[in-house]
Amino acid sequence: MINWRTCQKYTCGAKVSTKNPVRDPPPRPIGSYNAFMQHLWFKAKNYGWGWTPAAWQGWAVLLVYIGGVAGSAFVFLHDRPTTTSWILYACTLAIASALLVAVCLKTGEKPGWHWGEKDR
């Protein structure tokens, strides 16, 4: 049995880590972005440029986008659409599409032109 006073005497009261910094990396804080993003939400398409959903989070984002586009079409274009309502719908569509691309860039693979598996 090791006496605490003996250990404290030899280490000058400093806390001594038993972890190897090379073998045991420091733990990531709970709730960090890297811990949250352990897998990709969107993967790059095999043919062409763009993404396809690869996880349930990606499918959820895509469903929210489709719902937003359909909902804004119903709100702005449901009864005798005017020029103003078409402009508002186009602005809503542009903003929703920009948000979808931003989410895909943040949570997906690097975009690029692919033509089959050999280009990856």
PDB file of N, CA and C in Angstrom:
ATOM      1  N   MET A   1       0.840  -1.169   0.000  1.00  0.00           N
ATOM      2  CA  MET A   1       0.000   0.000   0.000  1.00  0.00           C
ATOM      3  C   MET A   1       0.882   1.228   0.000  1.00  0.00           C
ATOM      4  N   ILE A   2       0.599   2.174  -0.879  1.00  0.00           N
ATOM      5  CA  ILE A   2       1.398   3.387  -0.987  1.00  0.00           C
ATOM      6  C   ILE A   2       0.818   4.448  -0.073  1.00  0.00           C
ATOM      7  N   ASN A   3       1.687   5.058   0.665  1.00  0.00           N
ATOM      8  CA  ASN A   3       1.276   6.119   1.568  1.00  0.00           C
ATOM      9  C   ASN A   3       1.181   7.420   0.771  1.00  0.00           C
ATOM     10  N   TRP A   4       0.078   8.148   0.921  1.00  0.00           N
ATOM     11  CA  TRP A   4      -0.143   9.386   0.189  1.00  0.00           C
ATOM     12  C   TRP A   4       0.930  10.417   0.490  1.00  0.00           C
ATOM     13  N   ARG A   5       1.358  10.504   1.725  1.00  0.00           N
ATOM     14  CA  ARG A   5       2.382  11.483   2.094  1.00  0.00           C
ATOM     15  C   ARG A   5       3.719  11.165   1.430  1.00  0.00           C
ATOM     16  N   THR A   6       4.024   9.894   1.268  1.00  0.00           N
ATOM     17  CA  THR A   6       5.265   9.511   0.603  1.00  0.00           C
ATOM     18  C   THR A   6       5.216   9.925  -0.867  1.00  0.00           C
ATOM     19  N   CYS A   7       4.067   9.655  -1.538  1.00  0.00           N
ATOM     20  CA  CYS A   7       3.917  10.036  -2.950  1.00  0.00           C
ATOM     21  C   CYS A   7       3.993  11.546  -3.104  1.00  0.00           C
ATOM     22  N   GLN A   8       3.372  12.270  -2.203  1.00  0.00           N
ATOM     23  CA  GLN A   8       3.362  13.712  -2.289  1.00  0.00           C
ATOM     24  C   GLN A   8       4.773  14.267  -2.076  1.00  0.00           C
ATOM     25  N   LYS A   9       5.541  13.608  -1.236  1.00  0.00           N
ATOM     26  CA  LYS A   9       6.895  14.065  -0.950  1.00  0.00           C
ATOM     27  C   LYS A   9       7.789  13.933  -2.186  1.00  0.00           C
ATOM     28  N   TYR A  10       7.635  12.850  -2.965  1.00  0.00           N
ATOM     29  CA  TYR A  10       8.494  12.621  -4.124  1.00  0.00           C
ATOM     30  C   TYR A  10       8.044  13.397  -5.372  1.00  0.00           C
ATOM     31  N   THR A  11       6.806  13.817  -5.448  1.00  0.00           N
ATOM     32  CA  THR A  11       6.336  14.563  -6.618  1.00  0.00           C
ATOM     33  C   THR A  11       6.181  16.047  -6.314  1.00  0.00           C
ATOM     34  N   CYS A  12       6.572  16.487  -5.159  1.00  0.00           N
ATOM     35  CA  CYS A  12       6.478  17.889  -4.741  1.00  0.00           C
ATOM     36  C   CYS A  12       5.033  18.391  -4.782  1.00  0.00           C
ATOM     37  N   GLY A  13       4.089  17.516  -4.596  1.00  0.00           N
ATOM     38  CA  GLY A  13       2.692  17.914  -4.551  1.00  0.00           C
ATOM     39  C   GLY A  13       2.052  18.126  -5.910  1.00  0.00           C
ATOM     40  N   ALA A  14       2.819  17.922  -6.992  1.00  0.00           N
ATOM     41  CA  ALA A  14       2.259  18.123  -8.333  1.00  0.00           C
ATOM     42  C   ALA A  14       1.481  16.882  -8.757  1.00  0.00           C
ATOM     43  N   LYS A  15       0.461  17.109  -9.548  1.00  0.00           N
ATOM     44  CA  LYS A  15      -0.295  15.979 -10.065  1.00  0.00           C
ATOM     45  C   LYS A  15       0.498  15.347 -11.206  1.00  0.00           C
ATOM     46  N   VAL A  16       0.700  14.052 -11.116  1.00  0.00           N
ATOM     47  CA  VAL A  16       1.452  13.329 -12.129  1.00  0.00           C
ATOM     48  C   VAL A  16       0.464  12.520 -12.955  1.00  0.00           C
ATOM     49  N   SER A  17       0.508  12.702 -14.264  1.00  0.00           N
ATOM     50  CA  SER A  17      -0.394  11.982 -15.158  1.00  0.00           C
ATOM     51  C   SER A  17       0.208  10.635 -15.513  1.00  0.00           C
ATOM     52  N   THR A  18      -0.612   9.626 -15.489  1.00  0.00           N
ATOM     53  CA  THR A  18      -0.148   8.291 -15.868  1.00  0.00           C
ATOM     54  C   THR A  18      -0.462   7.999 -17.328  1.00  0.00           C
ATOM     55  N   LYS A  19      -1.066   8.946 -18.022  1.00  0.00           N
ATOM     56  CA  LYS A  19      -1.425   8.740 -19.415  1.00  0.00           C
ATOM     57  C   LYS A  19      -0.248   9.066 -20.321  1.00  0.00           C
ATOM     58  N   ASN A  20      -0.105   8.298 -21.371  1.00  0.00           N
ATOM     59  CA  ASN A  20       0.894   8.544 -22.386  1.00  0.00           C
ATOM     60  C   ASN A  20       0.284   9.516 -23.402  1.00  0.00           C
ATOM     61  N   PRO A  21       0.859  10.709 -23.613  1.00  0.00           N
ATOM     62  CA  PRO A  21       0.233  11.694 -24.507  1.00  0.00           C
ATOM     63  C   PRO A  21       0.166  11.228 -25.960  1.00  0.00           C
ATOM     64  N   VAL A  22       1.039  10.332 -26.370  1.00  0.00           N
ATOM     65  CA  VAL A  22       1.003   9.842 -27.738  1.00  0.00           C
ATOM     66  C   VAL A  22      -0.064   8.768 -27.890  1.00  0.00           C
ATOM     67  N   ARG A  23      -0.113   7.855 -26.950  1.00  0.00           N
ATOM     68  CA  ARG A  23      -1.047   6.736 -27.029  1.00  0.00           C
ATOM     69  C   ARG A  23      -2.441   7.118 -26.563  1.00  0.00           C
ATOM     70  N   ASP A  24      -2.571   8.006 -25.588  1.00  0.00           N
ATOM     71  CA  ASP A  24      -3.859   8.405 -25.034  1.00  0.00           C
ATOM     72  C   ASP A  24      -4.111   9.880 -25.312  1.00  0.00           C
ATOM     73  N   PRO A  25      -4.790  10.208 -26.430  1.00  0.00           N
ATOM     74  CA  PRO A  25      -5.049  11.623 -26.714  1.00  0.00           C
ATOM     75  C   PRO A  25      -6.007  12.209 -25.687  1.00  0.00           C
ATOM     76  N   PRO A  26      -5.997  13.521 -25.526  1.00  0.00           N
ATOM     77  CA  PRO A  26      -6.900  14.134 -24.546  1.00  0.00           C
ATOM     78  C   PRO A  26      -8.353  13.925 -24.958  1.00  0.00           C
ATOM     79  N   PRO A  27      -9.236  13.770 -24.002  1.00  0.00           N
ATOM     80  CA  PRO A  27     -10.640  13.557 -24.354  1.00  0.00           C
ATOM     81  C   PRO A  27     -11.247  14.814 -24.953  1.00  0.00           C
ATOM     82  N   ARG A  28     -12.167  14.612 -25.888  1.00  0.00           N
ATOM     83  CA  ARG A  28     -12.872  15.738 -26.491  1.00  0.00           C
ATOM     84  C   ARG A  28     -13.990  16.168 -25.567  1.00  0.00           C
ATOM     85  N   PRO A  29     -14.261  17.453 -25.515  1.00  0.00           N
ATOM     86  CA  PRO A  29     -15.346  17.904 -24.645  1.00  0.00           C
ATOM     87  C   PRO A  29     -16.692  17.381 -25.132  1.00  0.00           C
ATOM     88  N   ILE A  30     -17.561  17.104 -24.193  1.00  0.00           N
ATOM     89  CA  ILE A  30     -18.888  16.624 -24.537  1.00  0.00           C
ATOM     90  C   ILE A  30     -19.630  17.738 -25.259  1.00  0.00           C
ATOM     91  N   GLY A  31     -20.251  17.394 -26.360  1.00  0.00           N
ATOM     92  CA  GLY A  31     -20.985  18.377 -27.126  1.00  0.00           C
ATOM     93  C   GLY A  31     -20.141  19.116 -28.149  1.00  0.00           C
ATOM     94  N   SER A  32     -18.891  18.681 -28.370  1.00  0.00           N
ATOM     95  CA  SER A  32     -18.075  19.362 -29.369  1.00  0.00           C
ATOM     96  C   SER A  32     -18.561  18.986 -30.767  1.00  0.00           C
ATOM     97  N   TYR A  33     -18.229  19.816 -31.738  1.00  0.00           N
ATOM     98  CA  TYR A  33     -18.687  19.595 -33.103  1.00  0.00           C
ATOM     99  C   TYR A  33     -18.103  18.304 -33.670  1.00  0.00           C
ATOM    100  N   ASN A  34     -16.821  18.014 -33.386  1.00  0.00           N
ATOM    101  CA  ASN A  34     -16.198  16.810 -33.923  1.00  0.00           C
ATOM    102  C   ASN A  34     -16.823  15.549 -33.356  1.00  0.00           C
ATOM    103  N   ALA A  35     -17.201  15.588 -32.094  1.00  0.00           N
ATOM    104  CA  ALA A  35     -17.858  14.423 -31.510  1.00  0.00           C
ATOM    105  C   ALA A  35     -19.248  14.239 -32.112  1.00  0.00           C
ATOM    106  N   PHE A  36     -19.890  15.351 -32.450  1.00  0.00           N
ATOM    107  CA  PHE A  36     -21.222  15.290 -33.038  1.00  0.00           C
ATOM    108  C   PHE A  36     -21.170  14.773 -34.470  1.00  0.00           C
ATOM    109  N   MET A  37     -20.169  15.180 -35.222  1.00  0.00           N
ATOM    110  CA  MET A  37     -20.063  14.814 -36.629  1.00  0.00           C
ATOM    111  C   MET A  37     -19.145  13.601 -36.817  1.00  0.00           C
ATOM    112  N   GLN A  38     -19.510  12.478 -36.258  1.00  0.00           N
ATOM    113  CA  GLN A  38     -18.706  11.278 -36.417  1.00  0.00           C
ATOM    114  C   GLN A  38     -18.941  10.619 -37.773  1.00  0.00           C
ATOM    115  N   HIS A  39     -20.031  10.931 -38.415  1.00  0.00           N
ATOM    116  CA  HIS A  39     -20.304  10.400 -39.745  1.00  0.00           C
ATOM    117  C   HIS A  39     -20.896  11.501 -40.613  1.00  0.00           C
ATOM    118  N   LEU A  40     -20.812  11.292 -41.911  1.00  0.00           N
ATOM    119  CA  LEU A  40     -21.282  12.297 -42.860  1.00  0.00           C
ATOM    120  C   LEU A  40     -22.787  12.191 -43.055  1.00  0.00           C
ATOM    121  N   TRP A  41     -23.436  13.332 -43.183  1.00  0.00           N
ATOM    122  CA  TRP A  41     -24.867  13.365 -43.476  1.00  0.00           C
ATOM    123  C   TRP A  41     -25.121  13.212 -44.959  1.00  0.00           C
ATOM    124  N   PHE A  42     -24.196  13.730 -45.778  1.00  0.00           N
ATOM    125  CA  PHE A  42     -24.326  13.682 -47.230  1.00  0.00           C
ATOM    126  C   PHE A  42     -23.040  13.148 -47.831  1.00  0.00           C
ATOM    127  N   LYS A  43     -23.160  12.270 -48.832  1.00  0.00           N
ATOM    128  CA  LYS A  43     -21.978  11.798 -49.549  1.00  0.00           C
ATOM    129  C   LYS A  43     -22.021  12.337 -50.971  1.00  0.00           C
ATOM    130  N   ALA A  44     -20.864  12.428 -51.591  1.00  0.00           N
ATOM    131  CA  ALA A  44     -20.782  12.946 -52.951  1.00  0.00           C
ATOM    132  C   ALA A  44     -21.407  11.944 -53.915  1.00  0.00           C
ATOM    133  N   LYS A  45     -22.045  12.468 -54.946  1.00  0.00           N
ATOM    134  CA  LYS A  45     -22.651  11.605 -55.957  1.00  0.00           C
ATOM    135  C   LYS A  45     -21.570  10.896 -56.753  1.00  0.00           C
ATOM    136  N   ASN A  46     -21.874   9.682 -57.246  1.00  0.00           N
ATOM    137  CA  ASN A  46     -20.921   8.952 -58.076  1.00  0.00           C
ATOM    138  C   ASN A  46     -20.797   9.557 -59.464  1.00  0.00           C
ATOM    139  N   TYR A  47     -21.892  10.106 -59.982  1.00  0.00           N
ATOM    140  CA  TYR A  47     -21.883  10.703 -61.313  1.00  0.00           C
ATOM    141  C   TYR A  47     -22.392  12.134 -61.219  1.00  0.00           C
ATOM    142  N   GLY A  48     -21.599  13.086 -61.694  1.00  0.00           N
ATOM    143  CA  GLY A  48     -22.011  14.472 -61.660  1.00  0.00           C
ATOM    144  C   GLY A  48     -21.485  15.198 -60.427  1.00  0.00           C
ATOM    145  N   TRP A  49     -22.107  16.355 -60.143  1.00  0.00           N
ATOM    146  CA  TRP A  49     -21.704  17.199 -59.023  1.00  0.00           C
ATOM    147  C   TRP A  49     -22.862  17.290 -58.056  1.00  0.00           C
ATOM    148  N   GLY A  50     -22.606  17.122 -56.786  1.00  0.00           N
ATOM    149  CA  GLY A  50     -23.656  17.258 -55.790  1.00  0.00           C
ATOM    150  C   GLY A  50     -23.557  16.183 -54.727  1.00  0.00           C
ATOM    151  N   TRP A  51     -24.623  16.073 -53.938  1.00  0.00           N
ATOM    152  CA  TRP A  51     -24.643  15.155 -52.801  1.00  0.00           C
ATOM    153  C   TRP A  51     -25.920  14.326 -52.807  1.00  0.00           C
ATOM    154  N   THR A  52     -25.848  13.214 -52.091  1.00  0.00           N
ATOM    155  CA  THR A  52     -27.033  12.419 -51.782  1.00  0.00           C
ATOM    156  C   THR A  52     -27.023  12.168 -50.278  1.00  0.00           C
ATOM    157  N   PRO A  53     -28.188  12.067 -49.647  1.00  0.00           N
ATOM    158  CA  PRO A  53     -28.208  11.808 -48.203  1.00  0.00           C
ATOM    159  C   PRO A  53     -27.583  10.455 -47.877  1.00  0.00           C
ATOM    160  N   ALA A  54     -26.769  10.430 -46.833  1.00  0.00           N
ATOM    161  CA  ALA A  54     -26.093   9.204 -46.425  1.00  0.00           C
ATOM    162  C   ALA A  54     -26.502   8.763 -45.022  1.00  0.00           C
ATOM    163  N   ALA A  55     -27.214   9.599 -44.294  1.00  0.00           N
ATOM    164  CA  ALA A  55     -27.642   9.283 -42.932  1.00  0.00           C
ATOM    165  C   ALA A  55     -29.051   9.840 -42.727  1.00  0.00           C
ATOM    166  N   TRP A  56     -29.662   9.455 -41.631  1.00  0.00           N
ATOM    167  CA  TRP A  56     -31.036   9.914 -41.382  1.00  0.00           C
ATOM    168  C   TRP A  56     -31.089  11.427 -41.225  1.00  0.00           C
ATOM    169  N   GLN A  57     -30.011  12.031 -40.736  1.00  0.00           N
ATOM    170  CA  GLN A  57     -29.992  13.484 -40.595  1.00  0.00           C
ATOM    171  C   GLN A  57     -30.049  14.167 -41.968  1.00  0.00           C
ATOM    172  N   GLY A  58     -29.366  13.587 -42.950  1.00  0.00           N
ATOM    173  CA  GLY A  58     -29.412  14.125 -44.296  1.00  0.00           C
ATOM    174  C   GLY A  58     -30.799  14.022 -44.902  1.00  0.00           C
ATOM    175  N   TRP A  59     -31.452  12.880 -44.668  1.00  0.00           N
ATOM    176  CA  TRP A  59     -32.823  12.726 -45.167  1.00  0.00           C
ATOM    177  C   TRP A  59     -33.759  13.703 -44.472  1.00  0.00           C
ATOM    178  N   ALA A  60     -33.551  13.946 -43.201  1.00  0.00           N
ATOM    179  CA  ALA A  60     -34.397  14.899 -42.472  1.00  0.00           C
ATOM    180  C   ALA A  60     -34.213  16.314 -43.027  1.00  0.00           C
ATOM    181  N   VAL A  61     -32.978  16.702 -43.300  1.00  0.00           N
ATOM    182  CA  VAL A  61     -32.715  18.024 -43.874  1.00  0.00           C
ATOM    183  C   VAL A  61     -33.385  18.147 -45.241  1.00  0.00           C
ATOM    184  N   LEU A  62     -33.296  17.092 -46.052  1.00  0.00           N
ATOM    185  CA  LEU A  62     -33.914  17.119 -47.369  1.00  0.00           C
ATOM    186  C   LEU A  62     -35.438  17.211 -47.276  1.00  0.00           C
ATOM    187  N   LEU A  63     -36.038  16.505 -46.336  1.00  0.00           N
ATOM    188  CA  LEU A  63     -37.489  16.587 -46.157  1.00  0.00           C
ATOM    189  C   LEU A  63     -37.929  17.972 -45.681  1.00  0.00           C
ATOM    190  N   VAL A  64     -37.145  18.584 -44.807  1.00  0.00           N
ATOM    191  CA  VAL A  64     -37.461  19.953 -44.364  1.00  0.00           C
ATOM    192  C   VAL A  64     -37.372  20.916 -45.547  1.00  0.00           C
ATOM    193  N   TYR A  65     -36.373  20.737 -46.409  1.00  0.00           N
ATOM    194  CA  TYR A  65     -36.235  21.585 -47.592  1.00  0.00           C
ATOM    195  C   TYR A  65     -37.444  21.432 -48.519  1.00  0.00           C
ATOM    196  N   ILE A  66     -37.828  20.178 -48.798  1.00  0.00           N
ATOM    197  CA  ILE A  66     -38.974  19.938 -49.676  1.00  0.00           C
ATOM    198  C   ILE A  66     -40.251  20.504 -49.054  1.00  0.00           C
ATOM    199  N   GLY A  67     -40.410  20.324 -47.757  1.00  0.00           N
ATOM    200  CA  GLY A  67     -41.574  20.883 -47.073  1.00  0.00           C
ATOM    201  C   GLY A  67     -41.593  22.399 -47.120  1.00  0.00           C
ATOM    202  N   GLY A  68     -40.424  23.015 -46.984  1.00  0.00           N
ATOM    203  CA  GLY A  68     -40.347  24.475 -47.056  1.00  0.00           C
ATOM    204  C   GLY A  68     -40.683  25.004 -48.433  1.00  0.00           C
ATOM    205  N   VAL A  69     -40.193  24.325 -49.462  1.00  0.00           N
ATOM    206  CA  VAL A  69     -40.495  24.749 -50.832  1.00  0.00           C
ATOM    207  C   VAL A  69     -41.981  24.579 -51.125  1.00  0.00           C
ATOM    208  N   ALA A  70     -42.549  23.432 -50.747  1.00  0.00           N
ATOM    209  CA  ALA A  70     -43.975  23.196 -50.988  1.00  0.00           C
ATOM    210  C   ALA A  70     -44.840  24.145 -50.153  1.00  0.00           C
ATOM    211  N   GLY A  71     -44.456  24.374 -48.907  1.00  0.00           N
ATOM    212  CA  GLY A  71     -45.220  25.287 -48.050  1.00  0.00           C
ATOM    213  C   GLY A  71     -45.200  26.715 -48.549  1.00  0.00           C
ATOM    214  N   SER A  72     -44.028  27.167 -48.999  1.00  0.00           N
ATOM    215  CA  SER A  72     -43.963  28.533 -49.514  1.00  0.00           C
ATOM    216  C   SER A  72     -44.720  28.661 -50.835  1.00  0.00           C
ATOM    217  N   ALA A  73     -44.742  27.606 -51.653  1.00  0.00           N
ATOM    218  CA  ALA A  73     -45.546  27.645 -52.882  1.00  0.00           C
ATOM    219  C   ALA A  73     -47.020  27.768 -52.542  1.00  0.00           C
ATOM    220  N   PHE A  74     -47.456  27.034 -51.517  1.00  0.00           N
ATOM    221  CA  PHE A  74     -48.856  27.122 -51.114  1.00  0.00           C
ATOM    222  C   PHE A  74     -49.193  28.511 -50.566  1.00  0.00           C
ATOM    223  N   VAL A  75     -48.300  29.069 -49.771  1.00  0.00           N
ATOM    224  CA  VAL A  75     -48.560  30.376 -49.159  1.00  0.00           C
ATOM    225  C   VAL A  75     -48.582  31.484 -50.211  1.00  0.00           C
ATOM    226  N   PHE A  76     -47.597  31.477 -51.102  1.00  0.00           N
ATOM    227  CA  PHE A  76     -47.474  32.593 -52.036  1.00  0.00           C
ATOM    228  C   PHE A  76     -48.276  32.423 -53.327  1.00  0.00           C
ATOM    229  N   LEU A  77     -48.531  31.189 -53.751  1.00  0.00           N
ATOM    230  CA  LEU A  77     -49.110  30.981 -55.074  1.00  0.00           C
ATOM    231  C   LEU A  77     -50.464  30.292 -55.048  1.00  0.00           C
ATOM    232  N   HIS A  78     -51.144  30.250 -53.918  1.00  0.00           N
ATOM    233  CA  HIS A  78     -52.375  29.462 -53.815  1.00  0.00           C
ATOM    234  C   HIS A  78     -53.579  30.117 -54.475  1.00  0.00           C
ATOM    235  N   ASP A  79     -53.660  31.435 -54.507  1.00  0.00           N
ATOM    236  CA  ASP A  79     -54.860  32.076 -55.040  1.00  0.00           C
ATOM    237  C   ASP A  79     -54.461  33.262 -55.914  1.00  0.00           C
ATOM    238  N   ARG A  80     -54.635  33.136 -57.210  1.00  0.00           N
ATOM    239  CA  ARG A  80     -54.335  34.207 -58.170  1.00  0.00           C
ATOM    240  C   ARG A  80     -52.972  34.848 -57.927  1.00  0.00           C
ATOM    241  N   PRO A  81     -51.917  34.148 -58.274  1.00  0.00           N
ATOM    242  CA  PRO A  81     -50.581  34.702 -58.018  1.00  0.00           C
ATOM    243  C   PRO A  81     -50.321  35.970 -58.829  1.00  0.00           C
ATOM    244  N   THR A  82     -49.736  36.926 -58.166  1.00  0.00           N
ATOM    245  CA  THR A  82     -49.355  38.189 -58.796  1.00  0.00           C
ATOM    246  C   THR A  82     -47.847  38.204 -58.995  1.00  0.00           C
ATOM    247  N   THR A  83     -47.379  39.262 -59.596  1.00  0.00           N
ATOM    248  CA  THR A  83     -45.935  39.393 -59.811  1.00  0.00           C
ATOM    249  C   THR A  83     -45.191  39.449 -58.476  1.00  0.00           C
ATOM    250  N   THR A  84     -45.764  40.133 -57.510  1.00  0.00           N
ATOM    251  CA  THR A  84     -45.137  40.234 -56.187  1.00  0.00           C
ATOM    252  C   THR A  84     -45.055  38.874 -55.514  1.00  0.00           C
ATOM    253  N   SER A  85     -46.106  38.084 -55.630  1.00  0.00           N
ATOM    254  CA  SER A  85     -46.079  36.761 -54.989  1.00  0.00           C
ATOM    255  C   SER A  85     -45.070  35.834 -55.669  1.00  0.00           C
ATOM    256  N   TRP A  86     -44.914  35.960 -57.002  1.00  0.00           N
ATOM    257  CA  TRP A  86     -43.900  35.163 -57.692  1.00  0.00           C
ATOM    258  C   TRP A  86     -42.498  35.584 -57.256  1.00  0.00           C
ATOM    259  N   ILE A  87     -42.284  36.869 -57.077  1.00  0.00           N
ATOM    260  CA  ILE A  87     -40.971  37.351 -56.628  1.00  0.00           C
ATOM    261  C   ILE A  87     -40.684  36.871 -55.208  1.00  0.00           C
ATOM    262  N   LEU A  88     -41.670  36.937 -54.326  1.00  0.00           N
ATOM    263  CA  LEU A  88     -41.485  36.442 -52.955  1.00  0.00           C
ATOM    264  C   LEU A  88     -41.213  34.940 -52.939  1.00  0.00           C
ATOM    265  N   TYR A  89     -41.914  34.198 -53.784  1.00  0.00           N
ATOM    266  CA  TYR A  89     -41.685  32.749 -53.862  1.00  0.00           C
ATOM    267  C   TYR A  89     -40.267  32.458 -54.371  1.00  0.00           C
ATOM    268  N   ALA A  90     -39.822  33.198 -55.379  1.00  0.00           N
ATOM    269  CA  ALA A  90     -38.474  33.001 -55.920  1.00  0.00           C
ATOM    270  C   ALA A  90     -37.409  33.327 -54.864  1.00  0.00           C
ATOM    271  N   CYS A  91     -37.631  34.383 -54.090  1.00  0.00           N
ATOM    272  CA  CYS A  91     -36.680  34.734 -53.015  1.00  0.00           C
ATOM    273  C   CYS A  91     -36.643  33.655 -51.942  1.00  0.00           C
ATOM    274  N   THR A  92     -37.815  33.148 -51.574  1.00  0.00           N
ATOM    275  CA  THR A  92     -37.882  32.069 -50.582  1.00  0.00           C
ATOM    276  C   THR A  92     -37.179  30.824 -51.086  1.00  0.00           C
ATOM    277  N   LEU A  93     -37.384  30.489 -52.353  1.00  0.00           N
ATOM    278  CA  LEU A  93     -36.737  29.330 -52.953  1.00  0.00           C
ATOM    279  C   LEU A  93     -35.222  29.495 -52.988  1.00  0.00           C
ATOM    280  N   ALA A  94     -34.746  30.696 -53.319  1.00  0.00           N
ATOM    281  CA  ALA A  94     -33.307  30.951 -53.355  1.00  0.00           C
ATOM    282  C   ALA A  94     -32.683  30.838 -51.966  1.00  0.00           C
ATOM    283  N   ILE A  95     -33.348  31.374 -50.956  1.00  0.00           N
ATOM    284  CA  ILE A  95     -32.823  31.307 -49.582  1.00  0.00           C
ATOM    285  C   ILE A  95     -32.803  29.872 -49.078  1.00  0.00           C
ATOM    286  N   ALA A  96     -33.886  29.122 -49.325  1.00  0.00           N
ATOM    287  CA  ALA A  96     -33.941  27.727 -48.884  1.00  0.00           C
ATOM    288  C   ALA A  96     -32.872  26.891 -49.588  1.00  0.00           C
ATOM    289  N   SER A  97     -32.663  27.132 -50.872  1.00  0.00           N
ATOM    290  CA  SER A  97     -31.638  26.388 -51.614  1.00  0.00           C
ATOM    291  C   SER A  97     -30.238  26.730 -51.120  1.00  0.00           C
ATOM    292  N   ALA A  98     -29.991  27.997 -50.825  1.00  0.00           N
ATOM    293  CA  ALA A  98     -28.683  28.401 -50.292  1.00  0.00           C
ATOM    294  C   ALA A  98     -28.429  27.757 -48.930  1.00  0.00           C
ATOM    295  N   LEU A  99     -29.460  27.686 -48.102  1.00  0.00           N
ATOM    296  CA  LEU A  99     -29.313  27.025 -46.793  1.00  0.00           C
ATOM    297  C   LEU A  99     -29.048  25.530 -46.957  1.00  0.00           C
ATOM    298  N   LEU A 100     -29.716  24.889 -47.920  1.00  0.00           N
ATOM    299  CA  LEU A 100     -29.481  23.463 -48.159  1.00  0.00           C
ATOM    300  C   LEU A 100     -28.047  23.221 -48.619  1.00  0.00           C
ATOM    301  N   VAL A 101     -27.548  24.038 -49.522  1.00  0.00           N
ATOM    302  CA  VAL A 101     -26.165  23.887 -49.992  1.00  0.00           C
ATOM    303  C   VAL A 101     -25.184  24.135 -48.846  1.00  0.00           C
ATOM    304  N   ALA A 102     -25.465  25.108 -47.981  1.00  0.00           N
ATOM    305  CA  ALA A 102     -24.580  25.387 -46.841  1.00  0.00           C
ATOM    306  C   ALA A 102     -24.527  24.198 -45.887  1.00  0.00           C
ATOM    307  N   VAL A 103     -25.680  23.582 -45.634  1.00  0.00           N
ATOM    308  CA  VAL A 103     -25.702  22.406 -44.760  1.00  0.00           C
ATOM    309  C   VAL A 103     -24.954  21.255 -45.410  1.00  0.00           C
ATOM    310  N   CYS A 104     -25.132  21.065 -46.713  1.00  0.00           N
ATOM    311  CA  CYS A 104     -24.414  19.998 -47.417  1.00  0.00           C
ATOM    312  C   CYS A 104     -22.908  20.225 -47.393  1.00  0.00           C
ATOM    313  N   LEU A 105     -22.480  21.465 -47.561  1.00  0.00           N
ATOM    314  CA  LEU A 105     -21.047  21.757 -47.503  1.00  0.00           C
ATOM    315  C   LEU A 105     -20.479  21.502 -46.111  1.00  0.00           C
ATOM    316  N   LYS A 106     -21.243  21.843 -45.087  1.00  0.00           N
ATOM    317  CA  LYS A 106     -20.767  21.699 -43.705  1.00  0.00           C
ATOM    318  C   LYS A 106     -20.749  20.248 -43.242  1.00  0.00           C
ATOM    319  N   THR A 107     -21.740  19.445 -43.661  1.00  0.00           N
ATOM    320  CA  THR A 107     -21.890  18.095 -43.108  1.00  0.00           C
ATOM    321  C   THR A 107     -21.641  16.989 -44.125  1.00  0.00           C
ATOM    322  N   GLY A 108     -21.188  17.339 -45.330  1.00  0.00           N
ATOM    323  CA  GLY A 108     -20.984  16.324 -46.357  1.00  0.00           C
ATOM    324  C   GLY A 108     -19.554  16.252 -46.845  1.00  0.00           C
ATOM    325  N   GLU A 109     -19.356  15.360 -47.809  1.00  0.00           N
ATOM    326  CA  GLU A 109     -18.042  15.220 -48.424  1.00  0.00           C
ATOM    327  C   GLU A 109     -17.720  16.446 -49.265  1.00  0.00           C
ATOM    328  N   LYS A 110     -16.454  16.573 -49.617  1.00  0.00           N
ATOM    329  CA  LYS A 110     -16.023  17.684 -50.452  1.00  0.00           C
ATOM    330  C   LYS A 110     -16.681  17.546 -51.825  1.00  0.00           C
ATOM    331  N   PRO A 111     -17.310  18.614 -52.317  1.00  0.00           N
ATOM    332  CA  PRO A 111     -17.981  18.501 -53.611  1.00  0.00           C
ATOM    333  C   PRO A 111     -16.980  18.502 -54.758  1.00  0.00           C
ATOM    334  N   GLY A 112     -17.397  17.922 -55.843  1.00  0.00           N
ATOM    335  CA  GLY A 112     -16.561  17.896 -57.040  1.00  0.00           C
ATOM    336  C   GLY A 112     -17.247  17.083 -58.120  1.00  0.00           C
ATOM    337  N   TRP A 113     -16.716  17.172 -59.323  1.00  0.00           N
ATOM    338  CA  TRP A 113     -17.279  16.448 -60.445  1.00  0.00           C
ATOM    339  C   TRP A 113     -16.731  15.027 -60.418  1.00  0.00           C
ATOM    340  N   HIS A 114     -17.625  14.042 -60.409  1.00  0.00           N
ATOM    341  CA  HIS A 114     -17.237  12.627 -60.401  1.00  0.00           C
ATOM    342  C   HIS A 114     -17.918  11.925 -61.556  1.00  0.00           C
ATOM    343  N   TRP A 115     -17.216  10.967 -62.127  1.00  0.00           N
ATOM    344  CA  TRP A 115     -17.808  10.152 -63.170  1.00  0.00           C
ATOM    345  C   TRP A 115     -17.455   8.701 -62.873  1.00  0.00           C
ATOM    346  N   GLY A 116     -18.195   8.114 -61.945  1.00  0.00           N
ATOM    347  CA  GLY A 116     -17.970   6.728 -61.536  1.00  0.00           C
ATOM    348  C   GLY A 116     -17.061   6.627 -60.326  1.00  0.00           C
ATOM    349  N   GLU A 117     -16.839   5.398 -59.894  1.00  0.00           N
ATOM    350  CA  GLU A 117     -16.010   5.151 -58.714  1.00  0.00           C
ATOM    351  C   GLU A 117     -14.534   5.443 -58.956  1.00  0.00           C
ATOM    352  N   LYS A 118     -14.075   5.345 -60.210  1.00  0.00           N
ATOM    353  CA  LYS A 118     -12.646   5.536 -60.488  1.00  0.00           C
ATOM    354  C   LYS A 118     -12.179   6.977 -60.288  1.00  0.00           C
ATOM    355  N   ASP A 119     -13.116   7.940 -60.338  1.00  0.00           N
ATOM    356  CA  ASP A 119     -12.739   9.350 -60.162  1.00  0.00           C
ATOM    357  C   ASP A 119     -12.612   9.756 -58.709  1.00  0.00           C
ATOM    358  N   ARG A 120     -12.968   8.932 -57.791  1.00  0.00           N
ATOM    359  CA  ARG A 120     -12.976   9.304 -56.378  1.00  0.00           C
ATOM    360  C   ARG A 120     -11.629   9.164 -55.760  1.00  0.00           C
TER     361      ARG A 120
END
